[in-house]
Amino acid sequence: MSVSEFNIIEQFFVRKEGDRRDVVLGIGDDCALLNVPSDQCLAVSMDTLNEGIHFLSGTAPADIAHKAIAVNLSDLAAMGAEPAWVSLSLSMPTAELGWLQSFSDTFHELLHHYGLQVIGGDTTRGPLAITLQVHGFVPEGVALKRSGAKAGDLVCVTGTLGDAALGLLIAEHRLAAQGEVRDHLLTRYYRPEPRVAAGIALRVGASAAIDVSDGLVADLGHICKASEVGAVINADDIPLSEAATSVTTHERALDCALTGGDDYELCFTVSEDNYRKVQSALESVGVACYAVGRISGKSGVRILKDGEPLELNKSGFDHFAS
């Protein structure tokens, strides 16, 4: 059955439930009209997911929808911002109604869960790709940036690392796993949990933050560059899940944790004076906090294992690296 672009928008992406009061005009006109509270900064981020790069061909549409929202909200979380609005650009080779129904159902479930409203976008024919632009609010003067780390600060993460990279290996049939372990690692890859509440909690004392999308070493390197500092990571303190260490060697699990990416945990820095306060704030929203290293005055990110330097073959994911 033939379906038009505007039929797709009306049938799958225009829903009235959960309309936000700060949306004056949403989907259906040339632009959305929005009200930004006077005492808040508007935080804006955008990410694209391409088939074959960010998700495997044949990935379930519900998983694609979940990951598309999660990776974008992770950017807001890294700034300590509260989600508000989202724009969706969807490119697909054909308009398969079953695919669209599954995608849109999960999409709207997550909109409701995080208090988001879709305010516009675009639908086109082309290779399967999803681009979201998310908007959120953060009070003036408290946004978490990459540039606030100071020598002596602790380097921390909000959860176990490496699970998503191992989940990808399982999805690609490059690693064998069974039962609950397999389910856990695949879920961490296909359906990451954006640390929105944790990001807001970090406002109480974190000095810098970033989400772990390309690997801990690479993303911590962005904090170091922006803050003009360095970092020393103790490999023995990197949090690894039981699932990760049960499905492969400790060395491989550690490598995935340091360079694998797709975990969407938060990496942040905090002074020793503020550490307990931040730890308590994270505990109040049910998120673990692990200190894994310290900011130094020497540039670059160094990894120590058993007190000796650990050399890595790569620092993390890069779309255009050879």
Protein backbone atom coordinates (compact mmCIF):
# COMPACT_ATOMS: atom_id res chain seq x y z
CA MET A 1 0.00 0.00 0.00
CA SER A 2 1.34 3.42 -0.98
CA VAL A 3 1.76 5.94 1.80
CA SER A 4 2.84 9.58 1.55
CA GLU A 5 5.40 11.45 3.62
CA PHE A 6 2.63 13.43 5.30
CA ASN A 7 0.59 10.29 6.01
CA ILE A 8 3.69 8.86 7.78
CA ILE A 9 4.09 11.97 9.93
CA GLU A 10 0.38 12.12 10.82
CA GLN A 11 -0.02 8.39 11.51
CA PHE A 12 3.20 7.65 13.38
CA PHE A 13 4.64 10.84 14.86
CA VAL A 14 1.78 13.23 15.71
CA ARG A 15 0.40 12.30 19.12
CA LYS A 16 -1.38 14.64 21.48
CA GLU A 17 -0.69 12.96 24.80
CA GLY A 18 1.99 14.56 26.95
CA ASP A 19 2.05 17.94 25.19
CA ARG A 20 4.34 20.32 27.07
CA ARG A 21 3.14 23.77 28.10
CA ASP A 22 6.35 25.35 26.78
CA VAL A 23 5.50 24.20 23.23
CA VAL A 24 3.42 26.98 21.64
CA LEU A 25 3.31 25.23 18.25
CA GLY A 26 4.75 21.81 17.45
CA ILE A 27 4.50 19.53 14.41
CA GLY A 28 2.47 20.77 11.46
CA ASP A 29 3.90 24.16 10.53
CA ASP A 30 7.12 25.46 8.99
CA CYS A 31 8.70 25.95 12.40
CA ALA A 32 7.99 25.04 15.99
CA LEU A 33 7.35 27.88 18.44
CA LEU A 34 8.82 27.33 21.89
CA ASN A 35 9.10 29.16 25.20
CA VAL A 36 12.41 29.00 27.08
CA PRO A 37 12.20 29.83 30.81
CA SER A 38 13.98 33.11 31.57
CA ASP A 39 16.26 31.63 34.24
CA GLN A 40 17.40 28.65 32.15
CA CYS A 41 19.95 28.06 29.41
CA LEU A 42 18.83 26.07 26.38
CA ALA A 43 21.05 23.01 25.83
CA VAL A 44 20.97 21.64 22.26
CA SER A 45 22.62 18.54 20.81
CA MET A 46 22.24 16.43 17.67
CA ASP A 47 23.33 12.90 16.72
CA THR A 48 22.86 10.77 13.62
CA LEU A 49 22.60 6.97 13.56
CA ASN A 50 23.40 5.32 10.24
CA GLU A 51 22.66 1.70 9.36
CA GLY A 52 25.87 -0.32 9.23
CA ILE A 53 27.78 2.24 11.32
CA HIS A 54 25.79 2.89 14.49
CA PHE A 55 23.53 -0.15 14.30
CA LEU A 56 23.71 -3.43 12.40
CA SER A 57 21.58 -4.15 9.35
CA GLY A 58 18.47 -5.97 10.45
CA THR A 59 18.38 -4.39 13.91
CA ALA A 60 14.84 -4.32 15.31
CA PRO A 61 13.15 -0.94 14.76
CA ALA A 62 12.27 -0.72 18.47
CA ASP A 63 15.97 -1.06 19.35
CA ILE A 64 16.90 1.60 16.79
CA ALA A 65 14.34 4.01 18.25
CA HIS A 66 15.58 3.37 21.78
CA LYS A 67 19.22 3.89 20.90
CA ALA A 68 18.51 7.01 18.84
CA ILE A 69 16.87 8.71 21.81
CA ALA A 70 19.31 7.33 24.38
CA VAL A 71 22.49 8.53 22.69
CA ASN A 72 21.05 12.00 22.23
CA LEU A 73 19.78 12.26 25.80
CA SER A 74 23.21 11.11 26.96
CA ASP A 75 24.63 14.37 25.61
CA LEU A 76 22.10 16.37 27.62
CA ALA A 77 22.97 14.28 30.69
CA ALA A 78 26.65 15.11 30.27
CA MET A 79 25.76 18.81 30.53
CA GLY A 80 23.43 18.33 33.51
CA ALA A 81 20.44 19.35 31.40
CA GLU A 82 16.81 18.27 31.79
CA PRO A 83 15.23 17.03 28.51
CA ALA A 84 12.44 19.05 26.91
CA TRP A 85 12.02 18.77 23.13
CA VAL A 86 13.21 16.66 20.21
CA SER A 87 13.21 16.98 16.41
CA LEU A 88 13.36 13.84 14.27
CA SER A 89 14.76 13.42 10.75
CA LEU A 90 14.06 9.93 9.41
CA SER A 91 15.51 8.61 6.13
CA MET A 92 14.44 5.15 4.92
CA PRO A 93 14.56 3.28 1.61
CA THR A 94 10.87 2.24 1.76
CA ALA A 95 7.91 3.06 3.96
CA GLU A 96 7.23 -0.26 5.71
CA LEU A 97 4.22 0.27 7.95
CA GLY A 98 5.11 -2.52 10.39
CA TRP A 99 8.62 -1.14 10.81
CA LEU A 100 7.28 2.38 11.33
CA GLN A 101 4.71 1.20 13.88
CA SER A 102 7.32 -0.60 15.98
CA PHE A 103 9.77 2.31 15.72
CA SER A 104 7.19 4.96 16.62
CA ASP A 105 5.70 2.98 19.52
CA THR A 106 9.08 2.73 21.28
CA PHE A 107 9.95 6.29 20.26
CA HIS A 108 6.82 7.65 21.95
CA GLU A 109 7.22 5.41 25.00
CA LEU A 110 10.60 7.00 25.64
CA LEU A 111 9.30 10.50 24.93
CA HIS A 112 6.72 9.95 27.66
CA HIS A 113 9.27 8.42 30.05
CA TYR A 114 11.68 11.36 29.78
CA GLY A 115 9.09 14.14 29.49
CA LEU A 116 10.02 14.95 25.89
CA GLN A 117 7.81 16.26 23.10
CA VAL A 118 8.59 15.85 19.41
CA ILE A 119 8.30 19.30 17.82
CA GLY A 120 9.19 18.72 14.17
CA GLY A 121 11.61 17.16 11.74
CA ASP A 122 11.68 15.62 8.28
CA THR A 123 10.92 12.31 6.56
CA THR A 124 12.74 11.36 3.35
CA ARG A 125 13.53 8.42 1.09
CA GLY A 126 17.15 7.25 1.28
CA PRO A 127 19.53 4.95 3.19
CA LEU A 128 18.24 4.12 6.66
CA ALA A 129 19.38 6.88 9.01
CA ILE A 130 17.92 8.63 12.03
CA THR A 131 18.94 12.10 13.16
CA LEU A 132 17.62 13.61 16.37
CA GLN A 133 18.12 17.08 17.73
CA VAL A 134 17.38 17.26 21.44
CA HIS A 135 16.80 20.36 23.54
CA GLY A 136 16.92 20.67 27.28
CA PHE A 137 17.12 23.19 30.10
CA VAL A 138 19.87 23.79 32.61
CA PRO A 139 19.90 26.63 35.17
CA GLU A 140 22.24 29.47 34.33
CA GLY A 141 25.78 28.98 35.63
CA VAL A 142 25.53 25.27 36.57
CA ALA A 143 25.95 23.47 33.23
CA LEU A 144 28.62 20.77 33.28
CA LYS A 145 31.36 21.47 30.73
CA ARG A 146 34.45 19.64 29.55
CA SER A 147 36.67 22.56 30.50
CA GLY A 148 36.39 22.61 34.31
CA ALA A 149 38.78 19.84 35.38
CA LYS A 150 41.65 20.82 37.66
CA ALA A 151 44.87 19.01 38.60
CA GLY A 152 44.18 16.85 41.64
CA ASP A 153 40.52 16.20 40.77
CA LEU A 154 39.32 12.61 40.87
CA VAL A 155 38.22 10.98 37.60
CA CYS A 156 35.00 9.01 38.05
CA VAL A 157 32.46 7.02 36.02
CA THR A 158 28.83 6.23 36.74
CA GLY A 159 28.76 2.51 35.96
CA THR A 160 30.50 -0.53 34.53
CA LEU A 161 32.29 -0.09 31.22
CA GLY A 162 32.91 -2.38 28.24
CA ASP A 163 29.55 -4.17 28.26
CA ALA A 164 28.27 -2.51 25.09
CA ALA A 165 31.44 -3.29 23.12
CA LEU A 166 31.15 -6.92 24.15
CA GLY A 167 27.46 -6.86 23.23
CA LEU A 168 28.41 -5.69 19.74
CA LEU A 169 30.87 -8.58 19.41
CA ILE A 170 28.07 -10.98 20.37
CA ALA A 171 25.67 -9.36 17.88
CA GLU A 172 28.31 -9.74 15.17
CA HIS A 173 28.82 -13.42 16.13
CA ARG A 174 32.43 -12.71 17.06
CA LEU A 175 31.94 -13.69 20.70
CA ALA A 176 29.86 -16.51 22.17
CA ALA A 177 27.61 -16.00 25.19
CA GLN A 178 24.59 -17.72 26.66
CA GLY A 179 21.55 -17.01 28.78
CA GLU A 180 21.40 -14.01 31.11
CA VAL A 181 24.97 -12.97 30.31
CA ARG A 182 24.17 -12.78 26.60
CA ASP A 183 20.92 -10.89 27.26
CA HIS A 184 22.64 -8.39 29.57
CA LEU A 185 25.45 -7.56 27.16
CA LEU A 186 23.16 -7.30 24.12
CA THR A 187 20.83 -5.01 26.05
CA ARG A 188 23.73 -2.75 27.02
CA TYR A 189 24.60 -2.45 23.33
CA TYR A 190 21.13 -2.15 21.80
CA ARG A 191 19.40 -0.26 24.61
CA PRO A 192 21.78 1.96 26.59
CA GLU A 193 20.34 3.90 29.51
CA PRO A 194 21.05 7.63 29.34
CA ARG A 195 22.14 8.93 32.74
CA VAL A 196 19.78 11.91 32.77
CA ALA A 197 19.06 11.89 36.50
CA ALA A 198 22.75 11.35 37.24
CA GLY A 199 23.73 14.33 35.10
CA ILE A 200 21.34 16.56 37.01
CA ALA A 201 22.67 15.17 40.31
CA LEU A 202 26.24 15.99 39.28
CA ARG A 203 25.41 19.70 39.28
CA VAL A 204 26.08 19.70 43.04
CA GLY A 205 29.84 19.46 42.64
CA ALA A 206 31.32 17.90 39.50
CA SER A 207 33.95 20.08 37.83
CA ALA A 208 33.69 18.61 34.29
CA ALA A 209 31.77 15.84 32.54
CA ILE A 210 31.33 13.96 29.26
CA ASP A 211 29.39 10.90 28.19
CA VAL A 212 31.34 7.76 27.28
CA SER A 213 30.34 7.18 23.66
CA ASP A 214 33.68 6.54 21.93
CA GLY A 215 35.61 4.88 24.77
CA LEU A 216 36.79 6.09 28.18
CA VAL A 217 40.32 6.98 27.06
CA ALA A 218 39.13 8.96 24.04
CA ASP A 219 36.35 10.78 25.85
CA LEU A 220 38.42 11.57 28.93
CA GLY A 221 40.97 12.92 26.46
CA HIS A 222 38.38 15.48 25.35
CA ILE A 223 38.02 16.69 28.95
CA CYS A 224 41.79 16.90 29.28
CA LYS A 225 42.16 18.89 26.06
CA ALA A 226 39.38 21.32 26.94
CA SER A 227 40.69 21.75 30.49
CA GLU A 228 44.38 21.88 29.45
CA VAL A 229 45.28 19.09 31.86
CA GLY A 230 46.17 15.40 31.75
CA ALA A 231 44.88 12.30 33.51
CA VAL A 232 46.20 9.09 35.03
CA ILE A 233 43.84 6.12 35.06
CA ASN A 234 44.36 3.08 37.28
CA ALA A 235 43.28 0.08 35.18
CA ASP A 236 42.71 -1.97 38.33
CA ASP A 237 39.95 0.46 39.38
CA ILE A 238 37.97 0.30 36.12
CA PRO A 239 34.53 -1.17 36.96
CA LEU A 240 33.79 -4.33 34.96
CA SER A 241 30.52 -6.23 35.19
CA GLU A 242 30.33 -9.90 36.14
CA ALA A 243 28.84 -10.52 32.70
CA ALA A 244 31.87 -8.98 31.01
CA THR A 245 34.46 -10.94 32.97
CA SER A 246 32.51 -14.20 32.64
CA VAL A 247 32.30 -14.10 28.85
CA THR A 248 35.91 -13.27 28.00
CA THR A 249 39.35 -12.72 29.51
CA HIS A 250 39.92 -9.92 31.99
CA GLU A 251 42.38 -8.32 29.56
CA ARG A 252 39.85 -8.26 26.72
CA ALA A 253 37.08 -6.95 28.98
CA LEU A 254 39.43 -4.19 30.19
CA ASP A 255 40.35 -3.24 26.63
CA CYS A 256 36.65 -2.96 25.77
CA ALA A 257 36.11 -0.81 28.87
CA LEU A 258 38.95 1.56 27.98
CA THR A 259 38.44 1.88 24.22
CA GLY A 260 35.21 0.15 23.20
CA GLY A 261 32.63 2.91 23.44
CA ASP A 262 28.81 2.81 23.29
CA ASP A 263 28.46 2.54 27.08
CA TYR A 264 26.87 5.99 27.50
CA GLU A 265 27.90 6.16 31.12
CA LEU A 266 29.12 9.53 32.38
CA CYS A 267 32.78 10.28 32.99
CA PHE A 268 33.26 13.24 35.30
CA THR A 269 35.85 14.96 37.44
CA VAL A 270 35.35 16.17 40.99
CA SER A 271 37.56 17.61 43.71
CA GLU A 272 38.24 15.44 46.74
CA ASP A 273 36.35 17.98 48.87
CA ASN A 274 33.20 17.50 46.77
CA TYR A 275 33.50 13.76 46.14
CA ARG A 276 31.32 12.55 49.03
CA LYS A 277 28.63 15.11 48.20
CA VAL A 278 28.57 14.02 44.56
CA GLN A 279 28.65 10.34 45.50
CA SER A 280 25.66 10.86 47.81
CA ALA A 281 23.75 12.76 45.11
CA LEU A 282 24.29 9.91 42.65
CA GLU A 283 23.26 7.31 45.22
CA SER A 284 20.01 9.24 45.73
CA VAL A 285 19.10 8.57 42.08
CA GLY A 286 20.26 4.96 42.18
CA VAL A 287 23.50 5.38 40.23
CA ALA A 288 26.87 3.96 41.26
CA CYS A 289 30.02 6.08 41.33
CA TYR A 290 33.51 4.71 40.73
CA ALA A 291 36.74 6.68 41.13
CA VAL A 292 39.14 5.41 38.45
CA GLY A 293 41.95 7.95 38.36
CA ARG A 294 43.09 11.49 38.88
CA ILE A 295 43.64 14.64 36.85
CA SER A 296 47.30 15.62 36.50
CA GLY A 297 49.25 18.57 35.18
CA LYS A 298 50.93 16.48 32.47
CA SER A 299 49.01 16.43 29.18
CA GLY A 300 47.45 13.25 27.76
CA VAL A 301 45.70 10.25 29.27
CA ARG A 302 48.00 7.61 30.79
CA ILE A 303 46.90 4.15 31.93
CA LEU A 304 48.65 2.34 34.77
CA LYS A 305 48.20 -1.36 35.53
CA ASP A 306 49.91 -2.79 38.58
CA GLY A 307 51.81 0.50 38.72
CA GLU A 308 53.24 0.10 35.22
CA PRO A 309 52.24 1.98 32.02
CA LEU A 310 49.69 0.11 29.88
CA GLU A 311 50.00 0.63 26.13
CA LEU A 312 46.81 0.54 24.05
CA ASN A 313 46.43 -0.17 20.33
CA LYS A 314 43.78 2.55 20.03
CA SER A 315 42.16 5.18 22.21
CA GLY A 316 38.58 4.79 21.00
CA PHE A 317 36.18 4.98 18.06
CA ASP A 318 36.75 7.51 15.28
CA HIS A 319 34.56 7.64 12.15
CA PHE A 320 37.39 8.74 9.90
CA ALA A 321 40.45 7.07 11.42
CA SER A 322 42.24 4.63 9.16
